[in-house]
Amino acid sequence: MIYQAFPKVVIIYLRYSIDLQHMLRRLSEIPVGQTVKIKSFENNDIFLKLMEMGCVPGEDIRVDQIAPLGDPIAISVSGYSLSLRLNEAQNIFVERLETL
């Protein structure tokens, strides 16, 4: 019934929800086993440190493990394993890779 009264609103809502799946998320929110691509950093203070460790925009990373209390997390980046504190992972914005 609502669809008949507001068809354009429903279509816009559906397009918006599809676009939400491609939004940037924080690395700290990614579950174990998922591979993502680094898009940007939030905090410039930690930017250089993360870049030196191989976390550069465009690099694919995989979340390997999360500690029982959630901090730290282990990721694979540039062919090696890296441990990040949760506050460091919260500064990395990532995009989910498309699965074929």
Protein backbone atom coordinates (compact mmCIF):
# COMPACT_ATOMS: atom_id res chain seq x y z
CA MET A 1 0.00 0.00 0.00
CA ILE A 2 2.76 2.43 0.89
CA TYR A 3 4.61 1.40 -2.27
CA GLN A 4 1.66 2.49 -4.42
CA ALA A 5 1.42 5.86 -2.69
CA PHE A 6 5.17 6.63 -2.71
CA PRO A 7 6.91 4.61 -5.46
CA LYS A 8 9.79 7.08 -5.89
CA VAL A 9 10.53 7.10 -2.17
CA VAL A 10 10.76 3.30 -2.10
CA ILE A 11 13.09 3.25 -5.11
CA ILE A 12 15.34 5.91 -3.55
CA TYR A 13 15.39 3.93 -0.28
CA LEU A 14 16.38 0.73 -2.11
CA ARG A 15 19.19 2.51 -3.96
CA TYR A 16 20.40 4.04 -0.70
CA SER A 17 20.48 0.66 1.09
CA ILE A 18 22.44 -0.90 -1.78
CA ASP A 19 24.96 1.98 -1.60
CA LEU A 20 25.34 1.46 2.17
CA GLN A 21 26.99 -1.91 1.49
CA HIS A 22 29.85 -0.11 -0.29
CA MET A 23 30.38 2.52 2.39
CA LEU A 24 33.68 2.81 4.15
CA ARG A 25 33.99 1.00 7.46
CA ARG A 26 36.62 1.10 10.15
CA LEU A 27 39.11 -1.76 10.20
CA SER A 28 38.15 -2.40 13.83
CA GLU A 29 34.62 -3.38 12.65
CA ILE A 30 35.73 -6.05 10.16
CA PRO A 31 35.16 -9.68 11.19
CA VAL A 32 37.87 -12.37 11.15
CA GLY A 33 38.60 -13.84 7.72
CA GLN A 34 37.34 -10.91 5.66
CA THR A 35 39.62 -9.18 3.14
CA VAL A 36 39.28 -5.43 2.63
CA LYS A 37 41.06 -2.59 0.83
CA ILE A 38 42.50 0.39 2.69
CA LYS A 39 40.90 3.63 1.54
CA SER A 40 41.99 6.35 3.97
CA PHE A 41 43.11 7.26 7.48
CA GLU A 42 41.28 9.38 10.00
CA ASN A 43 44.11 10.51 12.29
CA ASN A 44 47.18 12.15 10.74
CA ASP A 45 49.26 11.50 13.87
CA ILE A 46 49.25 7.74 13.28
CA PHE A 47 49.26 7.98 9.47
CA LEU A 48 53.05 7.85 9.07
CA LYS A 49 53.44 4.93 11.49
CA LEU A 50 50.83 2.88 9.62
CA MET A 51 52.37 3.75 6.25
CA GLU A 52 55.78 2.54 7.46
CA MET A 53 54.19 -0.78 8.44
CA GLY A 54 52.78 -1.27 4.93
CA CYS A 55 49.26 0.01 5.52
CA VAL A 56 49.01 2.26 2.48
CA PRO A 57 45.81 3.29 0.70
CA GLY A 58 44.90 0.73 -1.96
CA GLU A 59 46.55 -2.18 -0.15
CA ASP A 60 44.49 -5.32 0.47
CA ILE A 61 44.47 -6.59 4.03
CA ARG A 62 42.88 -9.58 5.75
CA VAL A 63 41.80 -9.76 9.38
CA ASP A 64 43.38 -12.97 10.70
CA GLN A 65 42.64 -12.90 14.42
CA ILE A 66 41.00 -10.81 17.09
CA ALA A 67 42.09 -11.20 20.72
CA PRO A 68 39.45 -12.55 23.14
CA LEU A 69 38.85 -9.10 24.62
CA GLY A 70 38.95 -7.44 21.17
CA ASP A 71 42.36 -5.80 21.45
CA PRO A 72 44.76 -6.26 19.61
CA ILE A 73 43.87 -7.61 16.17
CA ALA A 74 46.15 -9.49 13.77
CA ILE A 75 46.04 -8.64 10.06
CA SER A 76 47.90 -9.78 6.95
CA VAL A 77 49.26 -6.93 4.85
CA SER A 78 51.88 -6.94 2.09
CA GLY A 79 52.67 -10.61 2.69
CA TYR A 80 53.34 -10.45 6.43
CA SER A 81 51.39 -10.50 9.70
CA LEU A 82 50.92 -7.34 11.69
CA SER A 83 49.35 -6.73 15.09
CA LEU A 84 47.41 -3.50 15.60
CA ARG A 85 45.86 -2.02 18.69
CA LEU A 86 42.15 -1.41 18.44
CA ASN A 87 42.60 2.39 18.58
CA GLU A 88 44.99 2.15 15.59
CA ALA A 89 42.53 -0.02 13.65
CA GLN A 90 39.77 2.50 14.32
CA ASN A 91 41.75 5.11 12.37
CA ILE A 92 41.85 3.02 9.17
CA PHE A 93 38.89 3.27 6.81
CA VAL A 94 38.45 0.27 4.54
CA GLU A 95 36.16 -0.88 1.76
CA ARG A 96 34.92 -4.42 1.40
CA LEU A 97 36.20 -6.21 -1.67
CA GLU A 98 33.66 -7.43 -4.18
CA THR A 99 33.28 -11.20 -4.22
CA LEU A 100 32.86 -12.74 -7.65
